[in-house]
Amino acid sequence: MPNVKPGTWNQVNARPLTQRLFRTTFSKAIAANGVDPALFTQIGPLGTGIGYSQTGGSLVLTSGTTANSEVILRSNESFDGNLELRWQTILSQRIINQSFVVELVDVIGDNLQLTANSATSATVTFRPGENPFTAANVGQFMSIGAIEGLAGIPARYAIASVSGDTVTFTVSGWPTSGSGSCSLFGLNFVRCVYSGATATQMNFDIQRNGYNSGDTTATISTTASAGHMGIVQVSSGYAALLDQLIASSITLPTTIRASRVVNLPDEDADLFLQIRIVNGSTAPASTTTWTVGMTAVYDFRTANVTINDIRPQGPSAVIPTTVASGALQTVTTVTAVTTAGTPLAPATPYILNSLATTNIALILTGTSGLQAFYATNTGATPAFVKLYNKATAPVLASDVPAMILPVPAAAAGVPGVANLRIGFNGFRFALGLGIAITGAVADNDTTAVAAGQVKVMLSRTV
């Protein structure tokens, strides 16, 4: 830094940080099985029965009805740092055995040699000297996709062993032998998946270096026409899934649906946008049309700025002020002072470690607010935490829960997680707050969970 002479001015320069924008509305008309080559590239083969084109300002994909059929469209550009991802979706229907994926993923390699060893083991061979993995990566997960020449099942799999230029994965339902090629991607990812038959649900998850928290089944706006806008924001150690209906609104349109504070990809991870269809191992009953109206990715760097001093300005250089609504009134006389009300009581934690029962309990009688909720499940099947608006303990056979919070099953020894980040005002329970944990979703289900299987921590106010 140059020396500054006493009595002289020193100018402090502020360097603006760049922000990149990748955005397309698929405005070019491109015929069957074509996408704008300046923006996206098809990775691997086009799955049997699947098709896509750019028409009417949208990317239009059809799923077909072939089991394990897949297509991957990947952006030519990668992104890192703090990110915001937006996309518009309309699905003509929602049925089982179909998954429609919007994701940001790192790419490990394409067109890699793939060998099926057995129904539960497959080996990927890298070009000499290009294997990025060692024994330290055993147990980490990533996706095997774009499979060609072998009837493997595209999915997320764990590394079982590493030797030289080969990586062996633990798979499921594969042929016992055969060879072909594949892509490896998603050691780090931000992933949103439309699957299942409910038009107002989507799975959300994030992964860092092969480890994730498990899908959160988020309630969203409907994917039926005119569709919804999905939004994922990843910044400063926090990730949030938001969405909104496409229709215009005079109120704040977005709603937070899910969040993550762990397993976020590192800011220097190069992530590509992928639009992907994967049919299930059981053939879907019929074809679904997926219309993607637009996609956009912003990446940016945050800058922490502290203003140490604000100096008063003269009457000829006042700070402008805008009144957003109403009128600015002048107060001339104070006639009375009203004492502020009693501050809200802080949230009270409630912790439940499941017994081998349905764990019925009355947490509180009277009005309460649910501030936050976190639960884990070590079981092999999902568990369902049910919350009741009642002044007495719940009766499972007859009471209807106010909320049902699914806790996913454990995967590869990692507990499933349900995380409901509600905010300060929370959800209100006017009569009281009751709880139960069951093994099935039906309102009147009485299936007990195992002792210690489900752990719940929530915060509530009086």
Protein backbone atom coordinates (compact mmCIF):
# COMPACT_ATOMS: atom_id res chain seq x y z
CA MET A 1 0.00 0.00 0.00
CA PRO A 2 1.54 3.39 -0.91
CA ASN A 3 2.49 5.82 1.85
CA VAL A 4 0.09 8.68 2.49
CA LYS A 5 1.54 12.04 3.39
CA PRO A 6 0.10 13.82 6.42
CA GLY A 7 -2.59 16.26 5.53
CA THR A 8 -3.53 14.55 2.28
CA TRP A 9 -6.60 12.56 1.29
CA ASN A 10 -6.39 8.78 0.92
CA GLN A 11 -8.86 7.27 -1.54
CA VAL A 12 -10.17 3.82 -0.64
CA ASN A 13 -11.16 1.83 -3.71
CA ALA A 14 -14.03 -0.68 -3.52
CA ARG A 15 -13.73 -3.51 -6.04
CA PRO A 16 -17.09 -4.80 -7.30
CA LEU A 17 -17.52 -8.59 -7.18
CA THR A 18 -18.77 -10.22 -10.33
CA GLN A 19 -22.04 -12.11 -10.69
CA ARG A 20 -22.72 -14.50 -13.55
CA LEU A 21 -26.13 -15.32 -14.97
CA PHE A 22 -26.99 -18.42 -16.96
CA ARG A 23 -30.55 -18.08 -18.19
CA THR A 24 -32.62 -19.54 -21.00
CA THR A 25 -36.27 -19.53 -21.93
CA PHE A 26 -35.72 -22.14 -24.70
CA SER A 27 -36.98 -19.57 -27.22
CA LYS A 28 -35.39 -21.24 -30.25
CA ALA A 29 -37.62 -23.78 -31.98
CA ILE A 30 -35.60 -27.02 -32.23
CA ALA A 31 -37.00 -30.28 -33.59
CA ALA A 32 -37.33 -33.65 -31.88
CA ASN A 33 -34.47 -34.69 -29.61
CA GLY A 34 -32.79 -31.33 -29.94
CA VAL A 35 -31.79 -28.66 -27.43
CA ASP A 36 -29.95 -25.35 -27.86
CA PRO A 37 -26.31 -26.51 -28.29
CA ALA A 38 -25.02 -23.20 -26.99
CA LEU A 39 -26.52 -23.97 -23.60
CA PHE A 40 -27.04 -27.72 -23.08
CA THR A 41 -25.59 -31.04 -24.24
CA GLN A 42 -27.18 -34.49 -24.09
CA ILE A 43 -24.97 -36.78 -22.03
CA GLY A 44 -24.94 -40.46 -22.95
CA PRO A 45 -27.70 -42.27 -24.82
CA LEU A 46 -31.31 -41.17 -25.17
CA GLY A 47 -33.39 -43.67 -23.20
CA THR A 48 -35.90 -45.82 -25.04
CA GLY A 49 -39.25 -44.04 -25.39
CA ILE A 50 -37.95 -40.69 -24.09
CA GLY A 51 -38.05 -37.62 -26.32
CA TYR A 52 -37.51 -33.87 -26.07
CA SER A 53 -37.64 -30.70 -28.15
CA GLN A 54 -37.77 -26.94 -27.82
CA THR A 55 -41.18 -25.66 -28.78
CA GLY A 56 -43.40 -22.74 -27.84
CA GLY A 57 -40.66 -21.13 -25.75
CA SER A 58 -40.23 -24.21 -23.54
CA LEU A 59 -38.19 -27.38 -23.30
CA VAL A 60 -40.73 -30.20 -23.65
CA LEU A 61 -39.72 -33.73 -22.57
CA THR A 62 -41.71 -36.97 -22.64
CA SER A 63 -40.88 -39.81 -20.29
CA GLY A 64 -41.93 -42.89 -22.25
CA THR A 65 -42.90 -46.12 -20.50
CA THR A 66 -39.64 -48.12 -20.52
CA ALA A 67 -38.19 -49.22 -17.17
CA ASN A 68 -34.83 -47.65 -16.19
CA SER A 69 -34.91 -45.39 -19.25
CA GLU A 70 -32.98 -42.14 -18.75
CA VAL A 71 -31.97 -38.89 -20.43
CA ILE A 72 -29.51 -36.27 -19.16
CA LEU A 73 -29.31 -32.71 -20.50
CA ARG A 74 -26.32 -30.90 -18.98
CA SER A 75 -25.38 -27.22 -19.15
CA ASN A 76 -22.20 -26.41 -21.03
CA GLU A 77 -21.27 -24.00 -18.27
CA SER A 78 -20.41 -24.78 -14.63
CA PHE A 79 -21.05 -22.69 -11.53
CA ASP A 80 -19.48 -22.28 -8.10
CA GLY A 81 -19.61 -20.02 -5.07
CA ASN A 82 -22.95 -18.87 -3.69
CA LEU A 83 -25.77 -19.95 -6.00
CA GLU A 84 -29.38 -19.34 -6.88
CA LEU A 85 -31.16 -21.82 -9.14
CA ARG A 86 -34.59 -21.16 -10.69
CA TRP A 87 -36.72 -23.25 -13.02
CA GLN A 88 -40.33 -23.47 -14.18
CA THR A 89 -42.09 -26.85 -14.27
CA ILE A 90 -45.40 -28.16 -15.58
CA LEU A 91 -46.06 -31.92 -15.40
CA SER A 92 -49.01 -33.35 -17.32
CA GLN A 93 -49.51 -35.95 -14.59
CA ARG A 94 -47.82 -37.39 -11.50
CA ILE A 95 -47.57 -41.20 -11.35
CA ILE A 96 -45.26 -43.68 -9.67
CA ASN A 97 -42.07 -45.08 -11.26
CA GLN A 98 -41.11 -41.77 -12.83
CA SER A 99 -38.59 -39.18 -11.57
CA PHE A 100 -38.01 -35.73 -13.05
CA VAL A 101 -34.80 -34.18 -11.73
CA VAL A 102 -33.42 -30.64 -11.66
CA GLU A 103 -29.96 -30.64 -10.12
CA LEU A 104 -26.59 -28.95 -9.82
CA VAL A 105 -23.88 -31.63 -9.84
CA ASP A 106 -20.13 -31.97 -10.15
CA VAL A 107 -18.99 -34.24 -12.97
CA ILE A 108 -16.47 -36.98 -12.15
CA GLY A 109 -16.25 -38.40 -15.68
CA ASP A 110 -18.20 -39.27 -18.83
CA ASN A 111 -18.00 -42.27 -21.17
CA LEU A 112 -16.21 -44.36 -18.54
CA GLN A 113 -15.88 -48.13 -18.89
CA LEU A 114 -18.53 -49.97 -16.84
CA THR A 115 -18.56 -53.66 -15.88
CA ALA A 116 -21.28 -55.59 -14.02
CA ASN A 117 -19.69 -58.04 -11.58
CA SER A 118 -22.91 -59.31 -10.01
CA ALA A 119 -26.40 -58.09 -9.19
CA THR A 120 -24.90 -56.06 -6.33
CA SER A 121 -21.49 -55.02 -7.67
CA ALA A 122 -20.32 -52.89 -10.60
CA THR A 123 -16.88 -51.54 -11.49
CA VAL A 124 -16.03 -48.29 -13.27
CA THR A 125 -12.61 -48.04 -14.91
CA PHE A 126 -10.92 -44.68 -15.40
CA ARG A 127 -8.35 -43.88 -18.02
CA PRO A 128 -4.81 -44.53 -16.75
CA GLY A 129 -3.79 -42.03 -14.10
CA GLU A 130 -7.19 -40.26 -14.02
CA ASN A 131 -8.87 -42.04 -11.09
CA PRO A 132 -9.56 -39.28 -8.51
CA PHE A 133 -10.49 -41.73 -5.74
CA THR A 134 -8.51 -43.65 -3.12
CA ALA A 135 -9.41 -45.99 -0.29
CA ALA A 136 -10.25 -42.88 1.75
CA ASN A 137 -13.35 -42.41 -0.46
CA VAL A 138 -14.89 -45.80 0.36
CA GLY A 139 -18.45 -45.27 1.62
CA GLN A 140 -19.02 -42.05 -0.30
CA PHE A 141 -21.99 -41.86 -2.67
CA MET A 142 -22.41 -40.53 -6.19
CA SER A 143 -24.64 -41.20 -9.19
CA ILE A 144 -24.04 -43.67 -12.00
CA GLY A 145 -25.98 -42.55 -15.08
CA ALA A 146 -25.90 -42.27 -18.87
CA ILE A 147 -25.48 -46.06 -18.96
CA GLU A 148 -24.99 -47.59 -22.41
CA GLY A 149 -24.48 -51.20 -23.52
CA LEU A 150 -25.49 -52.65 -20.16
CA ALA A 151 -28.87 -52.96 -18.43
CA GLY A 152 -27.69 -51.20 -15.28
CA ILE A 153 -30.02 -49.10 -13.15
CA PRO A 154 -29.23 -45.34 -12.97
CA ALA A 155 -29.11 -44.33 -9.31
CA ARG A 156 -26.98 -43.05 -6.43
CA TYR A 157 -24.52 -45.70 -5.20
CA ALA A 158 -21.74 -46.04 -2.62
CA ILE A 159 -18.07 -46.77 -3.32
CA ALA A 160 -17.23 -50.26 -2.07
CA SER A 161 -13.52 -50.35 -2.97
CA VAL A 162 -10.81 -48.56 -4.96
CA SER A 163 -7.89 -50.25 -6.72
CA GLY A 164 -5.59 -48.62 -9.25
CA ASP A 165 -7.71 -47.18 -12.05
CA THR A 166 -10.92 -48.93 -10.93
CA VAL A 167 -13.69 -48.02 -8.51
CA THR A 168 -16.19 -50.68 -7.45
CA PHE A 169 -19.68 -49.65 -6.34
CA THR A 170 -22.32 -51.46 -4.32
CA VAL A 171 -25.39 -51.53 -6.60
CA SER A 172 -28.78 -53.22 -6.54
CA GLY A 173 -30.83 -55.13 -9.12
CA TRP A 174 -28.13 -55.13 -11.81
CA PRO A 175 -27.38 -57.88 -14.35
CA THR A 176 -24.84 -60.43 -13.15
CA SER A 177 -22.44 -59.72 -16.02
CA GLY A 178 -21.87 -57.46 -19.00
CA SER A 179 -20.00 -54.30 -19.91
CA GLY A 180 -20.69 -50.86 -21.33
CA SER A 181 -20.08 -47.21 -20.47
CA CYS A 182 -21.44 -44.66 -18.00
CA SER A 183 -21.07 -41.23 -16.45
CA LEU A 184 -20.24 -40.53 -12.81
CA PHE A 185 -21.58 -37.34 -11.29
CA GLY A 186 -23.00 -35.87 -8.11
CA LEU A 187 -20.29 -36.44 -5.51
CA ASN A 188 -21.50 -32.94 -4.64
CA PHE A 189 -25.01 -31.92 -5.58
CA VAL A 190 -28.07 -29.74 -5.04
CA ARG A 191 -30.99 -31.91 -6.14
CA CYS A 192 -34.76 -31.49 -6.56
CA VAL A 193 -36.78 -34.52 -7.67
CA TYR A 194 -40.41 -34.73 -8.73
CA SER A 195 -41.47 -38.33 -8.05
CA GLY A 196 -44.57 -40.11 -6.85
CA ALA A 197 -48.20 -39.41 -7.58
CA THR A 198 -48.75 -36.21 -5.54
CA ALA A 199 -48.71 -33.00 -7.58
CA THR A 200 -47.79 -30.90 -4.54
CA GLN A 201 -44.69 -32.80 -3.39
CA MET A 202 -41.01 -32.71 -4.31
CA ASN A 203 -37.90 -34.30 -2.77
CA PHE A 204 -35.06 -31.96 -1.83
CA ASP A 205 -31.53 -32.82 -0.78
CA ILE A 206 -27.94 -31.57 -0.84
CA GLN A 207 -24.68 -33.54 -0.76
CA ARG A 208 -21.05 -32.69 0.00
CA ASN A 209 -18.20 -35.04 -0.91
CA GLY A 210 -20.41 -38.11 -1.05
CA TYR A 211 -22.47 -37.52 2.11
CA ASN A 212 -26.02 -36.19 2.36
CA SER A 213 -28.77 -35.75 4.93
CA GLY A 214 -31.46 -37.73 3.07
CA ASP A 215 -34.37 -36.46 1.02
CA THR A 216 -36.89 -34.09 2.54
CA THR A 217 -40.35 -34.55 1.02
CA ALA A 218 -41.37 -30.91 0.68
CA THR A 219 -44.89 -29.63 0.14
CA ILE A 220 -44.87 -27.31 -2.88
CA SER A 221 -47.27 -25.47 -5.14
CA THR A 222 -48.92 -27.71 -7.70
CA THR A 223 -46.96 -28.93 -10.72
CA ALA A 224 -50.18 -29.07 -12.74
CA SER A 225 -50.72 -26.35 -15.36
CA ALA A 226 -49.78 -23.46 -15.17
CA GLY A 227 -47.07 -24.96 -12.99
CA HIS A 228 -44.73 -23.61 -10.36
CA MET A 229 -41.36 -21.87 -10.12
CA GLY A 230 -38.80 -23.77 -8.07
CA ILE A 231 -36.04 -21.77 -6.39
CA VAL A 232 -32.97 -23.01 -4.52
CA GLN A 233 -30.66 -20.54 -2.77
CA VAL A 234 -27.27 -21.66 -1.42
CA SER A 235 -25.31 -18.98 0.41
CA SER A 236 -23.14 -18.55 3.50
CA GLY A 237 -23.62 -22.04 4.89
CA TYR A 238 -27.39 -22.18 4.39
CA ALA A 239 -29.52 -23.66 1.62
CA ALA A 240 -33.24 -23.09 1.15
CA LEU A 241 -35.85 -24.53 -1.20
CA LEU A 242 -38.57 -22.04 -2.11
CA ASP A 243 -41.32 -22.06 -4.67
CA GLN A 244 -44.22 -20.05 -6.00
CA LEU A 245 -47.09 -20.37 -8.44
CA ILE A 246 -46.53 -18.93 -11.90
CA ALA A 247 -49.62 -16.73 -11.66
CA SER A 248 -48.90 -13.11 -10.72
CA SER A 249 -49.59 -11.93 -7.18
CA ILE A 250 -49.65 -8.59 -5.36
CA THR A 251 -48.26 -10.25 -2.20
CA LEU A 252 -44.84 -11.81 -1.60
CA PRO A 253 -45.19 -14.93 -3.77
CA THR A 254 -42.40 -17.23 -2.55
CA THR A 255 -42.62 -19.70 0.33
CA ILE A 256 -39.75 -21.55 2.05
CA ARG A 257 -40.42 -25.30 1.73
CA ALA A 258 -37.24 -26.95 3.08
CA SER A 259 -33.71 -26.07 4.16
CA ARG A 260 -30.24 -27.46 4.84
CA VAL A 261 -27.40 -26.21 7.07
CA VAL A 262 -25.07 -29.23 6.71
CA ASN A 263 -23.51 -31.16 3.79
CA LEU A 264 -23.54 -28.12 1.52
CA PRO A 265 -21.12 -28.39 -1.43
CA ASP A 266 -17.91 -26.42 -1.00
CA GLU A 267 -17.97 -23.01 -2.66
CA ASP A 268 -15.18 -24.01 -5.04
CA ALA A 269 -17.02 -27.11 -6.32
CA ASP A 270 -17.78 -26.80 -10.05
CA LEU A 271 -21.45 -27.68 -10.46
CA PHE A 272 -23.30 -28.19 -13.74
CA LEU A 273 -27.04 -27.81 -14.21
CA GLN A 274 -28.68 -31.09 -15.25
CA ILE A 275 -32.25 -31.71 -16.39
CA ARG A 276 -32.84 -35.43 -16.11
CA ILE A 277 -35.60 -38.03 -16.46
CA VAL A 278 -35.20 -41.45 -14.85
CA ASN A 279 -37.92 -44.10 -15.09
CA GLY A 280 -38.17 -46.63 -12.28
CA SER A 281 -37.15 -50.28 -12.39
CA THR A 282 -40.86 -51.01 -12.89
CA ALA A 283 -42.19 -49.59 -16.14
CA PRO A 284 -44.39 -46.47 -15.69
CA ALA A 285 -48.04 -46.94 -16.59
CA SER A 286 -48.10 -44.09 -19.13
CA THR A 287 -46.07 -41.26 -20.61
CA THR A 288 -45.75 -37.94 -18.79
CA THR A 289 -44.99 -34.63 -20.51
CA TRP A 290 -42.59 -32.36 -18.63
CA THR A 291 -42.58 -28.72 -19.74
CA VAL A 292 -39.62 -26.66 -18.51
CA GLY A 293 -40.43 -23.02 -19.21
CA MET A 294 -37.09 -21.55 -18.15
CA THR A 295 -33.94 -22.24 -16.17
CA ALA A 296 -31.56 -19.80 -14.55
CA VAL A 297 -28.46 -20.08 -12.39
CA TYR A 298 -26.80 -17.13 -10.69
CA ASP A 299 -23.43 -17.53 -9.02
CA PHE A 300 -21.87 -14.74 -7.00
CA ARG A 301 -19.38 -13.93 -4.25
CA THR A 302 -20.52 -12.38 -1.01
CA ALA A 303 -18.70 -9.32 0.33
CA ASN A 304 -18.81 -8.40 4.01
CA VAL A 305 -18.90 -4.60 4.29
CA THR A 306 -18.83 -2.59 7.51
CA ILE A 307 -19.67 1.12 7.53
CA ASN A 308 -17.71 2.55 10.47
CA ASP A 309 -19.07 6.07 10.37
CA ILE A 310 -21.90 8.05 8.81
CA ARG A 311 -21.20 11.77 8.74
CA PRO A 312 -24.01 14.34 8.89
CA GLN A 313 -24.73 16.23 5.72
CA GLY A 314 -25.63 19.85 5.28
CA PRO A 315 -29.13 21.13 4.48
CA SER A 316 -28.22 21.29 0.80
CA ALA A 317 -27.32 17.57 0.68
CA VAL A 318 -29.92 15.74 2.74
CA ILE A 319 -30.46 12.00 2.62
CA PRO A 320 -33.58 11.29 0.52
CA THR A 321 -36.41 9.39 2.23
CA THR A 322 -39.30 7.56 0.57
CA VAL A 323 -42.57 6.66 2.31
CA ALA A 324 -43.65 3.31 0.82
CA SER A 325 -47.34 3.72 1.68
CA GLY A 326 -49.67 5.99 3.60
CA ALA A 327 -48.80 9.54 4.58
CA LEU A 328 -45.96 10.97 6.68
CA GLN A 329 -47.48 12.79 9.66
CA THR A 330 -45.87 15.42 11.87
CA VAL A 331 -46.13 14.82 15.64
CA THR A 332 -46.68 18.11 17.47
CA THR A 333 -47.93 17.04 20.91
CA VAL A 334 -47.52 13.85 22.95
CA THR A 335 -50.58 13.39 25.16
CA ALA A 336 -50.04 9.85 26.49
CA VAL A 337 -47.52 7.05 26.56
CA THR A 338 -48.73 3.45 26.22
CA THR A 339 -46.67 0.78 27.94
CA ALA A 340 -45.47 -1.93 25.60
CA GLY A 341 -47.03 -5.37 26.04
CA THR A 342 -45.34 -8.33 27.65
CA PRO A 343 -42.61 -9.75 25.41
CA LEU A 344 -43.19 -13.17 23.92
CA ALA A 345 -41.84 -16.03 26.00
CA PRO A 346 -38.82 -17.77 24.48
CA ALA A 347 -39.35 -21.10 22.76
CA THR A 348 -39.29 -24.21 24.98
CA PRO A 349 -37.60 -27.37 23.70
CA TYR A 350 -39.33 -30.76 23.68
CA ILE A 351 -37.26 -33.91 23.15
CA LEU A 352 -38.64 -37.40 22.48
CA ASN A 353 -36.62 -40.61 22.08
CA SER A 354 -39.11 -43.19 20.81
CA LEU A 355 -40.21 -46.15 22.89
CA ALA A 356 -41.48 -49.36 21.28
CA THR A 357 -44.98 -47.84 21.17
CA THR A 358 -46.84 -45.19 19.21
CA ASN A 359 -45.38 -42.62 21.69
CA ILE A 360 -48.66 -40.77 22.35
CA ALA A 361 -48.12 -37.67 24.49
CA LEU A 362 -49.75 -34.33 25.31
CA ILE A 363 -46.96 -31.76 25.14
CA LEU A 364 -49.00 -28.73 26.23
CA THR A 365 -52.60 -27.73 26.89
CA GLY A 366 -53.64 -24.35 25.53
CA THR A 367 -52.48 -22.22 22.62
CA SER A 368 -48.91 -22.89 21.51
CA GLY A 369 -46.72 -22.18 18.52
CA LEU A 370 -44.44 -24.70 16.81
CA GLN A 371 -41.18 -22.83 16.14
CA ALA A 372 -38.88 -25.52 14.75
CA PHE A 373 -38.79 -29.29 14.22
CA TYR A 374 -35.99 -31.83 13.65
CA ALA A 375 -36.27 -35.64 13.65
CA THR A 376 -34.08 -38.61 12.69
CA ASN A 377 -35.00 -42.20 11.85
CA THR A 378 -32.60 -45.17 12.09
CA GLY A 379 -35.22 -47.65 10.87
CA ALA A 380 -35.32 -49.41 7.52
CA THR A 381 -38.76 -47.93 6.73
CA PRO A 382 -40.14 -44.38 7.04
CA ALA A 383 -41.69 -43.20 10.30
CA PHE A 384 -44.41 -40.58 10.67
CA VAL A 385 -44.47 -37.94 13.40
CA LYS A 386 -48.05 -36.73 13.88
CA LEU A 387 -48.94 -33.48 15.67
CA TYR A 388 -52.45 -32.83 17.01
CA ASN A 389 -54.40 -29.69 17.86
CA LYS A 390 -55.97 -31.05 21.08
CA ALA A 391 -56.24 -30.19 24.77
CA THR A 392 -55.99 -33.88 25.68
CA ALA A 393 -53.75 -36.73 24.64
CA PRO A 394 -54.34 -37.97 21.07
CA VAL A 395 -56.53 -41.01 20.36
CA LEU A 396 -55.08 -42.61 17.24
CA ALA A 397 -58.18 -44.55 16.27
CA SER A 398 -60.35 -41.44 15.98
CA ASP A 399 -58.31 -38.20 16.02
CA VAL A 400 -57.12 -36.51 12.83
CA PRO A 401 -53.60 -35.08 13.02
CA ALA A 402 -53.09 -31.40 12.24
CA MET A 403 -49.70 -32.22 10.71
CA ILE A 404 -47.99 -35.41 9.50
CA LEU A 405 -44.22 -35.10 9.18
CA PRO A 406 -42.59 -38.06 7.35
CA VAL A 407 -39.10 -39.05 8.52
CA PRO A 408 -37.30 -40.98 5.73
CA ALA A 409 -35.77 -44.39 6.34
CA ALA A 410 -32.05 -44.75 7.01
CA ALA A 411 -29.81 -45.38 4.01
CA ALA A 412 -26.44 -47.15 4.21
CA GLY A 413 -26.30 -46.61 7.97
CA VAL A 414 -27.09 -42.88 7.75
CA PRO A 415 -30.33 -41.94 9.58
CA GLY A 416 -33.12 -40.34 7.60
CA VAL A 417 -33.77 -36.70 8.53
CA ALA A 418 -36.86 -34.48 8.62
CA ASN A 419 -36.15 -30.81 9.19
CA LEU A 420 -38.97 -28.25 9.33
CA ARG A 421 -37.60 -24.72 9.56
CA ILE A 422 -40.68 -22.66 10.31
CA GLY A 423 -39.43 -19.31 11.58
CA PHE A 424 -40.22 -17.08 14.55
CA ASN A 425 -44.02 -16.94 14.31
CA GLY A 426 -44.42 -20.66 13.67
CA PHE A 427 -47.58 -22.74 13.29
CA ARG A 428 -50.24 -22.14 15.96
CA PHE A 429 -52.10 -24.92 17.79
CA ALA A 430 -55.10 -23.26 19.41
CA LEU A 431 -56.29 -26.06 21.72
CA GLY A 432 -53.05 -27.77 22.67
CA LEU A 433 -50.15 -29.68 21.19
CA GLY A 434 -50.13 -33.49 21.08
CA ILE A 435 -47.72 -35.91 19.44
CA ALA A 436 -47.52 -39.52 18.25
CA ILE A 437 -45.09 -41.55 16.13
CA THR A 438 -46.35 -44.38 13.92
CA GLY A 439 -44.97 -46.70 11.28
CA ALA A 440 -47.55 -45.85 8.60
CA VAL A 441 -49.07 -42.62 7.30
CA ALA A 442 -52.83 -43.23 7.76
CA ASP A 443 -54.52 -40.91 10.27
CA ASN A 444 -55.75 -43.86 12.32
CA ASP A 445 -52.61 -46.02 12.03
CA THR A 446 -51.44 -47.64 15.27
CA THR A 447 -48.20 -49.25 14.07
CA ALA A 448 -45.55 -48.87 16.77
CA VAL A 449 -41.98 -47.86 16.01
CA ALA A 450 -38.95 -49.41 17.70
CA ALA A 451 -37.32 -48.16 20.87
CA GLY A 452 -34.76 -45.49 20.02
CA GLN A 453 -35.64 -45.62 16.30
CA VAL A 454 -36.99 -42.06 16.04
CA LYS A 455 -35.60 -39.05 17.85
CA VAL A 456 -37.59 -35.79 17.80
CA MET A 457 -36.60 -32.33 18.93
CA LEU A 458 -39.00 -29.43 18.54
CA SER A 459 -39.36 -25.95 19.94
CA ARG A 460 -42.72 -24.54 20.99
CA THR A 461 -44.05 -21.42 22.64
CA VAL A 462 -46.94 -21.05 25.06
